Amino acid sequence: MERFRAIEDRRGEAMTLNHMGSLARSQGDLDAGRAHLRRALELRRELGEKRAILMSTMSLGVLEVSGGDPAHGRELLREAHARAEAVDDVPAMAAVQTEWGLAEERRGELERAERMLDNGSALWNVQLLRRFEGWAQIALHDVRERLDDQPGAQRALDAARELLANSEDRAAERYLATKGLLSECKEGAP
């Protein structure tokens, strides 16, 4: 941060603030996360960086839905999605829907999470971004399990396996291997 400020790189400062805000949120420090994200958004608005504004708006929305003010967070996420839609930024629309779904899942709003994750998965699909779609399907699997929708959960898990096969995504491979083992235990296998 100091380096960006020393050379008066406001874009770098805003990017760093956005990362710091997202990191603070993931560590449970919502107040610090909110402060960093608001400052990043303020800088990005001053700079007129439309896509960066969208991403900071999304990050702040995710923070608020996850553990702050969910109604305000949803307004921010709707704004971020509208910004992406206005310029046909399909990757950003997919990211907003997916991140929104994950935030709703953390909040326990499973039906809303399922809708958002399903939308995100479909948007990754039209871009042929199999890895991102695969991770959205993993999240859908988890949500549907919690909703006690076993057939839907299994469809999502099967889709994730197909999408992530040969992806060289070690985290996904480990996760899917664990799900296979848990499914076998549930079915009574030794």
C-alpha atoms as a PDB file:
ATOM      1  CA  MET A   1       0.000   0.000   0.000  1.00  0.00           C
ATOM      2  CA  GLU A   2       2.792   2.391   0.956  1.00  0.00           C
ATOM      3  CA  ARG A   3       4.532   1.809  -2.380  1.00  0.00           C
ATOM      4  CA  PHE A   4       1.396   2.623  -4.362  1.00  0.00           C
ATOM      5  CA  ARG A   5       0.850   5.748  -2.285  1.00  0.00           C
ATOM      6  CA  ALA A   6       4.515   6.778  -2.618  1.00  0.00           C
ATOM      7  CA  ILE A   7       4.263   6.752  -6.409  1.00  0.00           C
ATOM      8  CA  GLU A   8       0.708   8.150  -6.349  1.00  0.00           C
ATOM      9  CA  ASP A   9      -0.713   5.053  -8.035  1.00  0.00           C
ATOM     10  CA  ARG A  10      -4.353   5.408  -7.012  1.00  0.00           C
ATOM     11  CA  ARG A  11      -5.418   2.385  -9.083  1.00  0.00           C
ATOM     12  CA  GLY A  12      -2.909   0.218  -7.241  1.00  0.00           C
ATOM     13  CA  GLU A  13      -4.052   1.648  -3.930  1.00  0.00           C
ATOM     14  CA  ALA A  14      -7.703   0.920  -4.751  1.00  0.00           C
ATOM     15  CA  MET A  15      -6.867  -2.626  -5.878  1.00  0.00           C
ATOM     16  CA  THR A  16      -4.902  -3.245  -2.674  1.00  0.00           C
ATOM     17  CA  LEU A  17      -7.721  -1.853  -0.538  1.00  0.00           C
ATOM     18  CA  ASN A  18     -10.189  -4.128  -2.315  1.00  0.00           C
ATOM     19  CA  HIS A  19      -7.982  -7.159  -1.657  1.00  0.00           C
ATOM     20  CA  MET A  20      -7.488  -6.129   1.974  1.00  0.00           C
ATOM     21  CA  GLY A  21     -11.244  -5.731   2.390  1.00  0.00           C
ATOM     22  CA  SER A  22     -12.000  -9.143   0.932  1.00  0.00           C
ATOM     23  CA  LEU A  23      -9.286 -10.718   3.071  1.00  0.00           C
ATOM     24  CA  ALA A  24     -10.604  -9.050   6.232  1.00  0.00           C
ATOM     25  CA  ARG A  25     -14.112 -10.299   5.385  1.00  0.00           C
ATOM     26  CA  SER A  26     -12.873 -13.848   4.908  1.00  0.00           C
ATOM     27  CA  GLN A  27     -11.133 -13.630   8.294  1.00  0.00           C
ATOM     28  CA  GLY A  28     -14.337 -12.431   9.960  1.00  0.00           C
ATOM     29  CA  ASP A  29     -13.309  -8.805  10.499  1.00  0.00           C
ATOM     30  CA  LEU A  30     -16.342  -7.200   8.881  1.00  0.00           C
ATOM     31  CA  ASP A  31     -15.638  -3.691  10.163  1.00  0.00           C
ATOM     32  CA  ALA A  32     -12.133  -3.580   8.682  1.00  0.00           C
ATOM     33  CA  GLY A  33     -13.383  -5.265   5.504  1.00  0.00           C
ATOM     34  CA  ARG A  34     -16.174  -2.741   5.124  1.00  0.00           C
ATOM     35  CA  ALA A  35     -13.816   0.218   5.688  1.00  0.00           C
ATOM     36  CA  HIS A  36     -11.283  -1.043   3.117  1.00  0.00           C
ATOM     37  CA  LEU A  37     -13.954  -1.866   0.539  1.00  0.00           C
ATOM     38  CA  ARG A  38     -15.721   1.467   0.939  1.00  0.00           C
ATOM     39  CA  ARG A  39     -12.431   3.324   0.459  1.00  0.00           C
ATOM     40  CA  ALA A  40     -11.584   1.172  -2.583  1.00  0.00           C
ATOM     41  CA  LEU A  41     -15.013   1.901  -4.061  1.00  0.00           C
ATOM     42  CA  GLU A  42     -14.609   5.628  -3.374  1.00  0.00           C
ATOM     43  CA  LEU A  43     -11.222   5.701  -5.136  1.00  0.00           C
ATOM     44  CA  ARG A  44     -12.496   3.692  -8.071  1.00  0.00           C
ATOM     45  CA  ARG A  45     -15.450   6.047  -8.486  1.00  0.00           C
ATOM     46  CA  GLU A  46     -13.080   9.022  -8.455  1.00  0.00           C
ATOM     47  CA  LEU A  47     -10.984   7.300 -11.125  1.00  0.00           C
ATOM     48  CA  GLY A  48     -14.056   6.376 -13.177  1.00  0.00           C
ATOM     49  CA  GLU A  49     -13.006   2.733 -13.549  1.00  0.00           C
ATOM     50  CA  LYS A  50     -16.307   1.106 -14.425  1.00  0.00           C
ATOM     51  CA  ARG A  51     -15.318  -2.569 -14.137  1.00  0.00           C
ATOM     52  CA  ALA A  52     -13.335  -1.943 -10.972  1.00  0.00           C
ATOM     53  CA  ILE A  53     -16.363  -0.127  -9.487  1.00  0.00           C
ATOM     54  CA  LEU A  54     -18.448  -3.178 -10.335  1.00  0.00           C
ATOM     55  CA  MET A  55     -15.982  -5.519  -8.584  1.00  0.00           C
ATOM     56  CA  SER A  56     -15.725  -3.376  -5.437  1.00  0.00           C
ATOM     57  CA  THR A  57     -19.509  -3.054  -5.343  1.00  0.00           C
ATOM     58  CA  MET A  58     -19.764  -6.841  -5.582  1.00  0.00           C
ATOM     59  CA  SER A  59     -17.176  -7.346  -2.828  1.00  0.00           C
ATOM     60  CA  LEU A  60     -18.962  -4.927  -0.502  1.00  0.00           C
ATOM     61  CA  GLY A  61     -22.302  -6.582  -1.313  1.00  0.00           C
ATOM     62  CA  VAL A  62     -20.916 -10.018  -0.481  1.00  0.00           C
ATOM     63  CA  LEU A  63     -19.591  -8.698   2.837  1.00  0.00           C
ATOM     64  CA  GLU A  64     -22.962  -7.199   3.762  1.00  0.00           C
ATOM     65  CA  VAL A  65     -24.962 -10.284   2.774  1.00  0.00           C
ATOM     66  CA  SER A  66     -22.529 -12.575   4.574  1.00  0.00           C
ATOM     67  CA  GLY A  67     -22.661 -10.895   7.925  1.00  0.00           C
ATOM     68  CA  GLY A  68     -23.568  -7.241   7.859  1.00  0.00           C
ATOM     69  CA  ASP A  69     -26.712  -5.702   6.448  1.00  0.00           C
ATOM     70  CA  PRO A  70     -28.148  -8.319   4.052  1.00  0.00           C
ATOM     71  CA  ALA A  71     -30.791  -6.019   2.532  1.00  0.00           C
ATOM     72  CA  HIS A  72     -28.137  -3.418   1.673  1.00  0.00           C
ATOM     73  CA  GLY A  73     -25.819  -6.165   0.452  1.00  0.00           C
ATOM     74  CA  ARG A  74     -28.465  -7.442  -1.937  1.00  0.00           C
ATOM     75  CA  GLU A  75     -28.995  -3.897  -3.253  1.00  0.00           C
ATOM     76  CA  LEU A  76     -25.257  -3.640  -3.909  1.00  0.00           C
ATOM     77  CA  LEU A  77     -25.195  -7.026  -5.636  1.00  0.00           C
ATOM     78  CA  ARG A  78     -28.173  -6.072  -7.808  1.00  0.00           C
ATOM     79  CA  GLU A  79     -26.301  -2.874  -8.713  1.00  0.00           C
ATOM     80  CA  ALA A  80     -23.133  -4.824  -9.556  1.00  0.00           C
ATOM     81  CA  HIS A  81     -25.104  -7.264 -11.702  1.00  0.00           C
ATOM     82  CA  ALA A  82     -26.923  -4.414 -13.479  1.00  0.00           C
ATOM     83  CA  ARG A  83     -23.586  -2.724 -14.216  1.00  0.00           C
ATOM     84  CA  ALA A  84     -22.257  -5.962 -15.718  1.00  0.00           C
ATOM     85  CA  GLU A  85     -25.438  -6.603 -17.671  1.00  0.00           C
ATOM     86  CA  ALA A  86     -25.465  -3.064 -19.093  1.00  0.00           C
ATOM     87  CA  VAL A  87     -22.174  -3.716 -20.880  1.00  0.00           C
ATOM     88  CA  ASP A  88     -22.775  -7.427 -21.530  1.00  0.00           C
ATOM     89  CA  ASP A  89     -19.904  -8.414 -19.223  1.00  0.00           C
ATOM     90  CA  VAL A  90     -20.836 -12.086 -18.895  1.00  0.00           C
ATOM     91  CA  PRO A  91     -17.791 -13.040 -16.765  1.00  0.00           C
ATOM     92  CA  ALA A  92     -18.712 -10.335 -14.255  1.00  0.00           C
ATOM     93  CA  MET A  93     -22.387 -11.383 -14.274  1.00  0.00           C
ATOM     94  CA  ALA A  94     -21.309 -14.971 -13.570  1.00  0.00           C
ATOM     95  CA  ALA A  95     -18.998 -13.849 -10.762  1.00  0.00           C
ATOM     96  CA  VAL A  96     -21.706 -11.721  -9.139  1.00  0.00           C
ATOM     97  CA  GLN A  97     -24.269 -14.524  -9.243  1.00  0.00           C
ATOM     98  CA  THR A  98     -21.816 -17.117  -7.940  1.00  0.00           C
ATOM     99  CA  GLU A  99     -20.410 -14.946  -5.150  1.00  0.00           C
ATOM    100  CA  TRP A 100     -23.931 -13.861  -4.201  1.00  0.00           C
ATOM    101  CA  GLY A 101     -24.989 -17.495  -3.988  1.00  0.00           C
ATOM    102  CA  LEU A 102     -22.034 -18.349  -1.752  1.00  0.00           C
ATOM    103  CA  ALA A 103     -22.832 -15.395   0.528  1.00  0.00           C
ATOM    104  CA  GLU A 104     -26.472 -16.486   0.792  1.00  0.00           C
ATOM    105  CA  GLU A 105     -25.350 -20.026   1.623  1.00  0.00           C
ATOM    106  CA  ARG A 106     -23.143 -18.714   4.444  1.00  0.00           C
ATOM    107  CA  ARG A 107     -26.150 -16.766   5.688  1.00  0.00           C
ATOM    108  CA  GLY A 108     -28.344 -19.891   5.612  1.00  0.00           C
ATOM    109  CA  GLU A 109     -30.625 -18.577   2.841  1.00  0.00           C
ATOM    110  CA  LEU A 110     -30.417 -21.845   0.934  1.00  0.00           C
ATOM    111  CA  GLU A 111     -33.234 -21.381  -1.590  1.00  0.00           C
ATOM    112  CA  ARG A 112     -31.846 -17.996  -2.612  1.00  0.00           C
ATOM    113  CA  ALA A 113     -28.320 -19.470  -2.694  1.00  0.00           C
ATOM    114  CA  GLU A 114     -29.472 -22.270  -4.973  1.00  0.00           C
ATOM    115  CA  ARG A 115     -31.027 -19.798  -7.436  1.00  0.00           C
ATOM    116  CA  MET A 116     -27.935 -17.611  -7.547  1.00  0.00           C
ATOM    117  CA  LEU A 117     -25.525 -20.534  -7.900  1.00  0.00           C
ATOM    118  CA  ASP A 118     -27.659 -22.068 -10.631  1.00  0.00           C
ATOM    119  CA  ASN A 119     -27.619 -18.722 -12.482  1.00  0.00           C
ATOM    120  CA  GLY A 120     -23.867 -18.399 -11.995  1.00  0.00           C
ATOM    121  CA  SER A 121     -23.263 -21.924 -13.250  1.00  0.00           C
ATOM    122  CA  ALA A 122     -25.324 -21.252 -16.381  1.00  0.00           C
ATOM    123  CA  LEU A 123     -23.392 -18.041 -17.058  1.00  0.00           C
ATOM    124  CA  TRP A 124     -20.051 -19.854 -16.683  1.00  0.00           C
ATOM    125  CA  ASN A 125     -21.412 -22.530 -19.035  1.00  0.00           C
ATOM    126  CA  VAL A 126     -22.182 -20.127 -21.898  1.00  0.00           C
ATOM    127  CA  GLN A 127     -18.571 -18.964 -21.712  1.00  0.00           C
ATOM    128  CA  LEU A 128     -17.273 -22.544 -21.730  1.00  0.00           C
ATOM    129  CA  LEU A 129     -15.433 -21.857 -18.472  1.00  0.00           C
ATOM    130  CA  ARG A 130     -15.633 -25.417 -17.198  1.00  0.00           C
ATOM    131  CA  ARG A 131     -13.520 -24.930 -14.075  1.00  0.00           C
ATOM    132  CA  PHE A 132     -15.645 -22.055 -12.758  1.00  0.00           C
ATOM    133  CA  GLU A 133     -18.831 -23.870 -13.705  1.00  0.00           C
ATOM    134  CA  GLY A 134     -17.510 -26.963 -11.925  1.00  0.00           C
ATOM    135  CA  TRP A 135     -16.925 -25.047  -8.703  1.00  0.00           C
ATOM    136  CA  ALA A 136     -20.412 -23.521  -8.951  1.00  0.00           C
ATOM    137  CA  GLN A 137     -21.762 -27.074  -9.298  1.00  0.00           C
ATOM    138  CA  ILE A 138     -19.815 -28.130  -6.190  1.00  0.00           C
ATOM    139  CA  ALA A 139     -21.456 -25.282  -4.272  1.00  0.00           C
ATOM    140  CA  LEU A 140     -24.860 -26.284  -5.706  1.00  0.00           C
ATOM    141  CA  HIS A 141     -24.231 -29.829  -4.509  1.00  0.00           C
ATOM    142  CA  ASP A 142     -23.592 -28.605  -0.974  1.00  0.00           C
ATOM    143  CA  VAL A 143     -26.651 -26.337  -0.956  1.00  0.00           C
ATOM    144  CA  ARG A 144     -28.913 -29.055  -2.330  1.00  0.00           C
ATOM    145  CA  GLU A 145     -27.636 -31.517   0.254  1.00  0.00           C
ATOM    146  CA  ARG A 146     -28.546 -29.026   2.964  1.00  0.00           C
ATOM    147  CA  LEU A 147     -31.969 -28.609   1.335  1.00  0.00           C
ATOM    148  CA  ASP A 148     -32.326 -32.409   1.478  1.00  0.00           C
ATOM    149  CA  ASP A 149     -32.607 -32.552  -2.324  1.00  0.00           C
ATOM    150  CA  GLN A 150     -30.510 -35.694  -2.808  1.00  0.00           C
ATOM    151  CA  PRO A 151     -31.296 -36.181  -6.535  1.00  0.00           C
ATOM    152  CA  GLY A 152     -30.426 -32.525  -7.231  1.00  0.00           C
ATOM    153  CA  ALA A 153     -27.288 -32.781  -5.110  1.00  0.00           C
ATOM    154  CA  GLN A 154     -26.204 -35.895  -7.012  1.00  0.00           C
ATOM    155  CA  ARG A 155     -26.814 -34.219 -10.397  1.00  0.00           C
ATOM    156  CA  ALA A 156     -24.669 -31.265  -9.319  1.00  0.00           C
ATOM    157  CA  LEU A 157     -21.917 -33.563  -8.036  1.00  0.00           C
ATOM    158  CA  ASP A 158     -21.950 -35.577 -11.283  1.00  0.00           C
ATOM    159  CA  ALA A 159     -21.799 -32.346 -13.298  1.00  0.00           C
ATOM    160  CA  ALA A 160     -18.889 -31.078 -11.179  1.00  0.00           C
ATOM    161  CA  ARG A 161     -16.984 -34.330 -11.710  1.00  0.00           C
ATOM    162  CA  GLU A 162     -17.497 -34.151 -15.464  1.00  0.00           C
ATOM    163  CA  LEU A 163     -16.598 -30.468 -15.663  1.00  0.00           C
ATOM    164  CA  LEU A 164     -13.494 -30.775 -13.503  1.00  0.00           C
ATOM    165  CA  ALA A 165     -12.161 -34.048 -14.947  1.00  0.00           C
ATOM    166  CA  ASN A 166      -8.623 -33.514 -16.171  1.00  0.00           C
ATOM    167  CA  SER A 167      -8.669 -29.904 -14.962  1.00  0.00           C
ATOM    168  CA  GLU A 168      -5.507 -30.333 -12.886  1.00  0.00           C
ATOM    169  CA  ASP A 169      -7.318 -28.451 -10.117  1.00  0.00           C
ATOM    170  CA  ARG A 170      -5.931 -30.334  -7.137  1.00  0.00           C
ATOM    171  CA  ALA A 171      -8.298 -28.701  -4.634  1.00  0.00           C
ATOM    172  CA  ALA A 172     -11.297 -29.766  -6.719  1.00  0.00           C
ATOM    173  CA  GLU A 173      -9.923 -33.285  -7.121  1.00  0.00           C
ATOM    174  CA  ARG A 174      -9.425 -33.637  -3.351  1.00  0.00           C
ATOM    175  CA  TYR A 175     -12.875 -32.251  -2.632  1.00  0.00           C
ATOM    176  CA  LEU A 176     -14.594 -34.528  -5.139  1.00  0.00           C
ATOM    177  CA  ALA A 177     -12.666 -37.566  -3.880  1.00  0.00           C
ATOM    178  CA  THR A 178     -13.880 -36.797  -0.360  1.00  0.00           C
ATOM    179  CA  LYS A 179     -17.456 -36.481  -1.584  1.00  0.00           C
ATOM    180  CA  GLY A 180     -17.155 -39.881  -3.200  1.00  0.00           C
ATOM    181  CA  LEU A 181     -15.975 -41.407   0.042  1.00  0.00           C
ATOM    182  CA  LEU A 182     -18.747 -39.718   2.047  1.00  0.00           C
ATOM    183  CA  SER A 183     -21.373 -40.929  -0.430  1.00  0.00           C
ATOM    184  CA  GLU A 184     -20.097 -44.483  -0.071  1.00  0.00           C
ATOM    185  CA  CYS A 185     -20.317 -44.238   3.732  1.00  0.00           C
ATOM    186  CA  LYS A 186     -23.888 -42.926   3.526  1.00  0.00           C
ATOM    187  CA  GLU A 187     -24.827 -45.899   1.358  1.00  0.00           C
ATOM    188  CA  GLY A 188     -23.454 -48.320   3.924  1.00  0.00           C
ATOM    189  CA  ALA A 189     -20.265 -49.354   2.153  1.00  0.00           C
ATOM    190  CA  PRO A 190     -17.410 -50.504   4.404  1.00  0.00           C
END
